[in-house]
Amino acid sequence: MIAPERTLAALDAFAERLADVARRGAPVLLGTGHPHRLLGFYAALADALSAAGCAVLTPAQGRCVDITTRFGLRTHNLDYVRGVALVRTPGAKRPGCAPGAHTHSPLPVRTVLAAAAESGGPLPELVIGDHGWVCGAGQLGFEAVGPADADDPAPFVGEAEGSVSVVVPLDDGVRSDYYLPLTRYVLNRACLSQ
């Protein structure tokens, strides 16, 4: 069960982190392992942060990421939709259109961050995402914030251990349009409404 007061408190803290990076025009990285549901939420954040002067980073476009699952090794390609990183299986829809593959793996964010470092390009001051995106970034010392379903304990453990700054408890399996009120709330609280 998700306690509404905890979700609201976490949304406020999440918005505070967005407002801070927007004020400074700091580079950000957004990624999701739930593109079918959360892509619109992240894309709205990417649009607002970009409009505020933040560089929305997109390194490693098209790079392969091999993820071992309980079904064996799965090869995915990194892609970006409206500034949000995700992975696709090879041969999936053309690049640049949604959706991508579901994953909780930290390997995509590690690949993206390594590519950014190798190119000498900017590194993100904030990573915004879910599952492996926030946990993987936090383990590497990057500030990370994002939502998580109550049945996915890793982000909450990362927050308790101090490697993830903010985790917003929510249901990550509802229809994508159900996240519109959360999007509006966060953008309003961060003074990023367009």
C-alpha atoms as a PDB file:
ATOM      1  CA  MET A   1       0.000   0.000   0.000  1.00  0.00           C
ATOM      2  CA  ILE A   2       1.252   3.489  -0.867  1.00  0.00           C
ATOM      3  CA  ALA A   3       0.668   6.205   1.735  1.00  0.00           C
ATOM      4  CA  PRO A   4      -0.530   9.391  -0.023  1.00  0.00           C
ATOM      5  CA  GLU A   5       1.278  11.686   2.426  1.00  0.00           C
ATOM      6  CA  ARG A   6       4.591   9.966   1.652  1.00  0.00           C
ATOM      7  CA  THR A   7       3.985  10.320  -2.074  1.00  0.00           C
ATOM      8  CA  LEU A   8       3.203  14.032  -1.707  1.00  0.00           C
ATOM      9  CA  ALA A   9       6.262  14.640   0.476  1.00  0.00           C
ATOM     10  CA  ALA A  10       8.455  12.806  -2.053  1.00  0.00           C
ATOM     11  CA  LEU A  11       6.894  14.723  -4.978  1.00  0.00           C
ATOM     12  CA  ASP A  12       7.744  17.977  -3.183  1.00  0.00           C
ATOM     13  CA  ALA A  13      11.344  16.854  -2.635  1.00  0.00           C
ATOM     14  CA  PHE A  14      11.530  15.675  -6.266  1.00  0.00           C
ATOM     15  CA  ALA A  15      10.268  19.069  -7.479  1.00  0.00           C
ATOM     16  CA  GLU A  16      12.805  20.815  -5.258  1.00  0.00           C
ATOM     17  CA  ARG A  17      15.666  18.918  -6.926  1.00  0.00           C
ATOM     18  CA  LEU A  18      14.291  19.823 -10.388  1.00  0.00           C
ATOM     19  CA  ALA A  19      13.973  23.491  -9.400  1.00  0.00           C
ATOM     20  CA  ASP A  20      17.563  23.520  -8.163  1.00  0.00           C
ATOM     21  CA  VAL A  21      19.059  22.130 -11.381  1.00  0.00           C
ATOM     22  CA  ALA A  22      16.814  24.422 -13.451  1.00  0.00           C
ATOM     23  CA  ARG A  23      17.989  27.507 -11.507  1.00  0.00           C
ATOM     24  CA  ARG A  24      21.589  26.563 -12.238  1.00  0.00           C
ATOM     25  CA  GLY A  25      20.961  25.384 -15.812  1.00  0.00           C
ATOM     26  CA  ALA A  26      22.754  22.153 -14.880  1.00  0.00           C
ATOM     27  CA  PRO A  27      22.980  19.184 -17.277  1.00  0.00           C
ATOM     28  CA  VAL A  28      20.485  16.380 -16.664  1.00  0.00           C
ATOM     29  CA  LEU A  29      19.969  12.825 -17.872  1.00  0.00           C
ATOM     30  CA  LEU A  30      16.569  11.169 -18.025  1.00  0.00           C
ATOM     31  CA  GLY A  31      15.940   7.471 -18.578  1.00  0.00           C
ATOM     32  CA  THR A  32      13.248   4.891 -18.052  1.00  0.00           C
ATOM     33  CA  GLY A  33      12.822   1.161 -17.853  1.00  0.00           C
ATOM     34  CA  HIS A  34       9.036   1.697 -18.044  1.00  0.00           C
ATOM     35  CA  PRO A  35       8.628   3.489 -21.384  1.00  0.00           C
ATOM     36  CA  HIS A  36       5.116   2.153 -21.983  1.00  0.00           C
ATOM     37  CA  ARG A  37       3.824   3.941 -18.893  1.00  0.00           C
ATOM     38  CA  LEU A  38       6.248   6.666 -17.776  1.00  0.00           C
ATOM     39  CA  LEU A  39       7.718   8.061 -21.003  1.00  0.00           C
ATOM     40  CA  GLY A  40       5.266  10.970 -21.129  1.00  0.00           C
ATOM     41  CA  PHE A  41       6.063  11.935 -17.521  1.00  0.00           C
ATOM     42  CA  TYR A  42       9.797  12.043 -18.190  1.00  0.00           C
ATOM     43  CA  ALA A  43       9.413  13.723 -21.586  1.00  0.00           C
ATOM     44  CA  ALA A  44       7.437  16.575 -20.002  1.00  0.00           C
ATOM     45  CA  LEU A  45      10.206  17.006 -17.429  1.00  0.00           C
ATOM     46  CA  ALA A  46      12.864  16.967 -20.175  1.00  0.00           C
ATOM     47  CA  ASP A  47      10.954  19.613 -22.156  1.00  0.00           C
ATOM     48  CA  ALA A  48      10.582  21.861 -19.106  1.00  0.00           C
ATOM     49  CA  LEU A  49      14.204  21.493 -18.011  1.00  0.00           C
ATOM     50  CA  SER A  50      15.435  22.175 -21.540  1.00  0.00           C
ATOM     51  CA  ALA A  51      13.250  25.299 -21.717  1.00  0.00           C
ATOM     52  CA  ALA A  52      14.797  26.405 -18.408  1.00  0.00           C
ATOM     53  CA  GLY A  53      18.295  26.180 -19.913  1.00  0.00           C
ATOM     54  CA  CYS A  54      19.401  22.731 -18.785  1.00  0.00           C
ATOM     55  CA  ALA A  55      21.280  20.551 -21.236  1.00  0.00           C
ATOM     56  CA  VAL A  56      19.282  17.330 -21.578  1.00  0.00           C
ATOM     57  CA  LEU A  57      22.035  14.818 -22.308  1.00  0.00           C
ATOM     58  CA  THR A  58      21.667  12.075 -24.939  1.00  0.00           C
ATOM     59  CA  PRO A  59      24.980  10.171 -25.133  1.00  0.00           C
ATOM     60  CA  ALA A  60      25.422   6.641 -26.522  1.00  0.00           C
ATOM     61  CA  GLN A  61      22.520   6.827 -29.002  1.00  0.00           C
ATOM     62  CA  GLY A  62      22.254   3.466 -30.781  1.00  0.00           C
ATOM     63  CA  ARG A  63      24.871   1.739 -28.640  1.00  0.00           C
ATOM     64  CA  CYS A  64      24.243  -1.933 -27.816  1.00  0.00           C
ATOM     65  CA  VAL A  65      23.573  -3.030 -24.251  1.00  0.00           C
ATOM     66  CA  ASP A  66      23.568  -6.750 -23.450  1.00  0.00           C
ATOM     67  CA  ILE A  67      21.303  -7.513 -20.503  1.00  0.00           C
ATOM     68  CA  THR A  68      21.174 -10.944 -18.900  1.00  0.00           C
ATOM     69  CA  THR A  69      17.654 -11.897 -17.871  1.00  0.00           C
ATOM     70  CA  ARG A  70      16.122 -15.059 -16.468  1.00  0.00           C
ATOM     71  CA  PHE A  71      15.389 -15.927 -20.109  1.00  0.00           C
ATOM     72  CA  GLY A  72      19.003 -15.542 -21.198  1.00  0.00           C
ATOM     73  CA  LEU A  73      21.076 -12.793 -22.785  1.00  0.00           C
ATOM     74  CA  ARG A  74      19.048 -10.032 -24.469  1.00  0.00           C
ATOM     75  CA  THR A  75      20.653  -7.427 -26.700  1.00  0.00           C
ATOM     76  CA  HIS A  76      19.104  -3.966 -26.657  1.00  0.00           C
ATOM     77  CA  ASN A  77      19.937  -0.666 -28.342  1.00  0.00           C
ATOM     78  CA  LEU A  78      19.924   2.663 -26.550  1.00  0.00           C
ATOM     79  CA  ASP A  79      17.547   5.218 -27.973  1.00  0.00           C
ATOM     80  CA  TYR A  80      16.122   8.580 -26.945  1.00  0.00           C
ATOM     81  CA  VAL A  81      12.548   9.763 -27.298  1.00  0.00           C
ATOM     82  CA  ARG A  82      12.038  13.465 -26.547  1.00  0.00           C
ATOM     83  CA  GLY A  83      15.253  13.500 -24.503  1.00  0.00           C
ATOM     84  CA  VAL A  84      14.440  10.372 -22.488  1.00  0.00           C
ATOM     85  CA  ALA A  85      16.725   7.341 -22.743  1.00  0.00           C
ATOM     86  CA  LEU A  86      15.280   3.860 -23.129  1.00  0.00           C
ATOM     87  CA  VAL A  87      16.284   0.563 -24.649  1.00  0.00           C
ATOM     88  CA  ARG A  88      14.771  -1.242 -27.617  1.00  0.00           C
ATOM     89  CA  THR A  89      15.205  -4.746 -28.895  1.00  0.00           C
ATOM     90  CA  PRO A  90      16.993  -4.837 -32.265  1.00  0.00           C
ATOM     91  CA  GLY A  91      14.555  -4.706 -35.145  1.00  0.00           C
ATOM     92  CA  ALA A  92      11.939  -2.891 -33.061  1.00  0.00           C
ATOM     93  CA  LYS A  93      10.127   0.148 -34.396  1.00  0.00           C
ATOM     94  CA  ARG A  94      12.222   2.812 -36.022  1.00  0.00           C
ATOM     95  CA  PRO A  95      14.431   4.875 -33.658  1.00  0.00           C
ATOM     96  CA  GLY A  96      12.887   7.976 -32.160  1.00  0.00           C
ATOM     97  CA  CYS A  97       9.389   6.609 -31.615  1.00  0.00           C
ATOM     98  CA  ALA A  98       7.901   5.057 -28.513  1.00  0.00           C
ATOM     99  CA  PRO A  99       7.796   2.665 -26.774  1.00  0.00           C
ATOM    100  CA  GLY A 100      10.848   0.693 -25.788  1.00  0.00           C
ATOM    101  CA  ALA A 101      11.572  -2.382 -23.699  1.00  0.00           C
ATOM    102  CA  HIS A 102      10.843  -2.849 -20.008  1.00  0.00           C
ATOM    103  CA  THR A 103      13.951  -3.292 -17.854  1.00  0.00           C
ATOM    104  CA  HIS A 104      15.183  -2.804 -14.313  1.00  0.00           C
ATOM    105  CA  SER A 105      18.846  -3.230 -15.331  1.00  0.00           C
ATOM    106  CA  PRO A 106      21.459  -0.606 -14.384  1.00  0.00           C
ATOM    107  CA  LEU A 107      23.482  -1.454 -17.513  1.00  0.00           C
ATOM    108  CA  PRO A 108      21.830   1.159 -19.775  1.00  0.00           C
ATOM    109  CA  VAL A 109      22.663   4.066 -17.450  1.00  0.00           C
ATOM    110  CA  ARG A 110      26.189   2.765 -16.922  1.00  0.00           C
ATOM    111  CA  THR A 111      26.646   2.612 -20.701  1.00  0.00           C
ATOM    112  CA  VAL A 112      25.283   6.140 -21.136  1.00  0.00           C
ATOM    113  CA  LEU A 113      27.429   7.610 -18.357  1.00  0.00           C
ATOM    114  CA  ALA A 114      30.556   5.846 -19.617  1.00  0.00           C
ATOM    115  CA  ALA A 115      29.935   7.211 -23.121  1.00  0.00           C
ATOM    116  CA  ALA A 116      29.490  10.740 -21.746  1.00  0.00           C
ATOM    117  CA  ALA A 117      32.747  10.460 -19.808  1.00  0.00           C
ATOM    118  CA  GLU A 118      34.657   8.961 -22.762  1.00  0.00           C
ATOM    119  CA  SER A 119      33.542  11.752 -25.087  1.00  0.00           C
ATOM    120  CA  GLY A 120      34.633  14.433 -22.635  1.00  0.00           C
ATOM    121  CA  GLY A 121      31.121  15.839 -22.819  1.00  0.00           C
ATOM    122  CA  PRO A 122      29.251  17.129 -19.819  1.00  0.00           C
ATOM    123  CA  LEU A 123      28.185  14.706 -17.126  1.00  0.00           C
ATOM    124  CA  PRO A 124      24.750  15.056 -15.558  1.00  0.00           C
ATOM    125  CA  GLU A 125      24.361  16.816 -12.250  1.00  0.00           C
ATOM    126  CA  LEU A 126      21.054  15.010 -11.832  1.00  0.00           C
ATOM    127  CA  VAL A 127      19.802  11.688 -13.203  1.00  0.00           C
ATOM    128  CA  ILE A 128      16.026  11.350 -13.336  1.00  0.00           C
ATOM    129  CA  GLY A 129      14.541   7.926 -13.917  1.00  0.00           C
ATOM    130  CA  ASP A 130      13.288   4.705 -12.450  1.00  0.00           C
ATOM    131  CA  HIS A 131      14.655   1.334 -11.434  1.00  0.00           C
ATOM    132  CA  GLY A 132      18.118   0.697 -12.851  1.00  0.00           C
ATOM    133  CA  TRP A 133      18.472   4.294 -14.025  1.00  0.00           C
ATOM    134  CA  VAL A 134      18.407   5.805 -10.532  1.00  0.00           C
ATOM    135  CA  CYS A 135      20.020   2.870  -8.736  1.00  0.00           C
ATOM    136  CA  GLY A 136      22.819   2.519 -11.280  1.00  0.00           C
ATOM    137  CA  ALA A 137      23.514   6.258 -11.352  1.00  0.00           C
ATOM    138  CA  GLY A 138      23.404   6.506  -7.568  1.00  0.00           C
ATOM    139  CA  GLN A 139      25.863   3.629  -7.192  1.00  0.00           C
ATOM    140  CA  LEU A 140      28.264   5.554  -9.421  1.00  0.00           C
ATOM    141  CA  GLY A 141      27.976   8.685  -7.269  1.00  0.00           C
ATOM    142  CA  PHE A 142      25.556  10.711  -9.411  1.00  0.00           C
ATOM    143  CA  GLU A 143      22.623  12.390  -7.730  1.00  0.00           C
ATOM    144  CA  ALA A 144      19.518  10.468  -8.773  1.00  0.00           C
ATOM    145  CA  VAL A 145      15.780  10.945  -8.253  1.00  0.00           C
ATOM    146  CA  GLY A 146      12.716   9.158  -9.542  1.00  0.00           C
ATOM    147  CA  PRO A 147       9.508   7.265  -8.963  1.00  0.00           C
ATOM    148  CA  ALA A 148       9.263   3.636  -7.924  1.00  0.00           C
ATOM    149  CA  ASP A 149       6.524   1.119  -7.390  1.00  0.00           C
ATOM    150  CA  ALA A 150       6.154  -0.103  -3.820  1.00  0.00           C
ATOM    151  CA  ASP A 151       6.823  -3.666  -5.008  1.00  0.00           C
ATOM    152  CA  ASP A 152      10.251  -2.683  -6.397  1.00  0.00           C
ATOM    153  CA  PRO A 153      12.420  -2.277  -3.289  1.00  0.00           C
ATOM    154  CA  ALA A 154      15.802  -1.402  -4.869  1.00  0.00           C
ATOM    155  CA  PRO A 155      15.208   2.371  -5.293  1.00  0.00           C
ATOM    156  CA  PHE A 156      13.856   2.610  -1.725  1.00  0.00           C
ATOM    157  CA  VAL A 157      16.877   0.723  -0.402  1.00  0.00           C
ATOM    158  CA  GLY A 158      19.110   3.093  -2.399  1.00  0.00           C
ATOM    159  CA  GLU A 159      17.355   6.053  -0.818  1.00  0.00           C
ATOM    160  CA  ALA A 160      17.708   4.568   2.684  1.00  0.00           C
ATOM    161  CA  GLU A 161      21.421   3.949   2.043  1.00  0.00           C
ATOM    162  CA  GLY A 162      21.925   7.466   0.668  1.00  0.00           C
ATOM    163  CA  SER A 163      22.816   6.591  -2.929  1.00  0.00           C
ATOM    164  CA  VAL A 164      19.453   7.795  -4.318  1.00  0.00           C
ATOM    165  CA  SER A 165      18.293  11.279  -3.264  1.00  0.00           C
ATOM    166  CA  VAL A 166      14.517  11.032  -3.727  1.00  0.00           C
ATOM    167  CA  VAL A 167      12.183   8.136  -4.490  1.00  0.00           C
ATOM    168  CA  VAL A 168       8.515   8.845  -5.140  1.00  0.00           C
ATOM    169  CA  PRO A 169       6.298   5.881  -4.188  1.00  0.00           C
ATOM    170  CA  LEU A 170       3.636   5.281  -6.830  1.00  0.00           C
ATOM    171  CA  ASP A 171       2.064   2.610  -8.972  1.00  0.00           C
ATOM    172  CA  ASP A 172       4.202   2.344 -12.112  1.00  0.00           C
ATOM    173  CA  GLY A 173       1.773   0.102 -13.961  1.00  0.00           C
ATOM    174  CA  VAL A 174      -1.225   2.361 -14.587  1.00  0.00           C
ATOM    175  CA  ARG A 175      -2.174   4.002 -17.877  1.00  0.00           C
ATOM    176  CA  SER A 176       0.265   6.717 -18.941  1.00  0.00           C
ATOM    177  CA  ASP A 177      -2.376   9.474 -18.860  1.00  0.00           C
ATOM    178  CA  TYR A 178      -2.887   8.817 -15.126  1.00  0.00           C
ATOM    179  CA  TYR A 179       0.517  10.430 -14.517  1.00  0.00           C
ATOM    180  CA  LEU A 180      -0.600  13.794 -15.945  1.00  0.00           C
ATOM    181  CA  PRO A 181      -1.690  15.168 -12.532  1.00  0.00           C
ATOM    182  CA  LEU A 182       1.686  14.162 -11.068  1.00  0.00           C
ATOM    183  CA  THR A 183       3.465  15.828 -13.971  1.00  0.00           C
ATOM    184  CA  ARG A 184       1.517  19.062 -13.490  1.00  0.00           C
ATOM    185  CA  TYR A 185       2.067  18.955  -9.729  1.00  0.00           C
ATOM    186  CA  VAL A 186       5.841  18.508 -10.023  1.00  0.00           C
ATOM    187  CA  LEU A 187       6.254  21.130 -12.730  1.00  0.00           C
ATOM    188  CA  ASN A 188       4.144  23.644 -10.781  1.00  0.00           C
ATOM    189  CA  ARG A 189       6.040  23.005  -7.537  1.00  0.00           C
ATOM    190  CA  ALA A 190       9.358  23.364  -9.386  1.00  0.00           C
ATOM    191  CA  CYS A 191       8.137  26.591 -11.095  1.00  0.00           C
ATOM    192  CA  LEU A 192       8.726  24.935 -14.461  1.00  0.00           C
ATOM    193  CA  SER A 193       5.188  25.024 -15.850  1.00  0.00           C
ATOM    194  CA  GLN A 194       5.160  26.166 -19.452  1.00  0.00           C
END
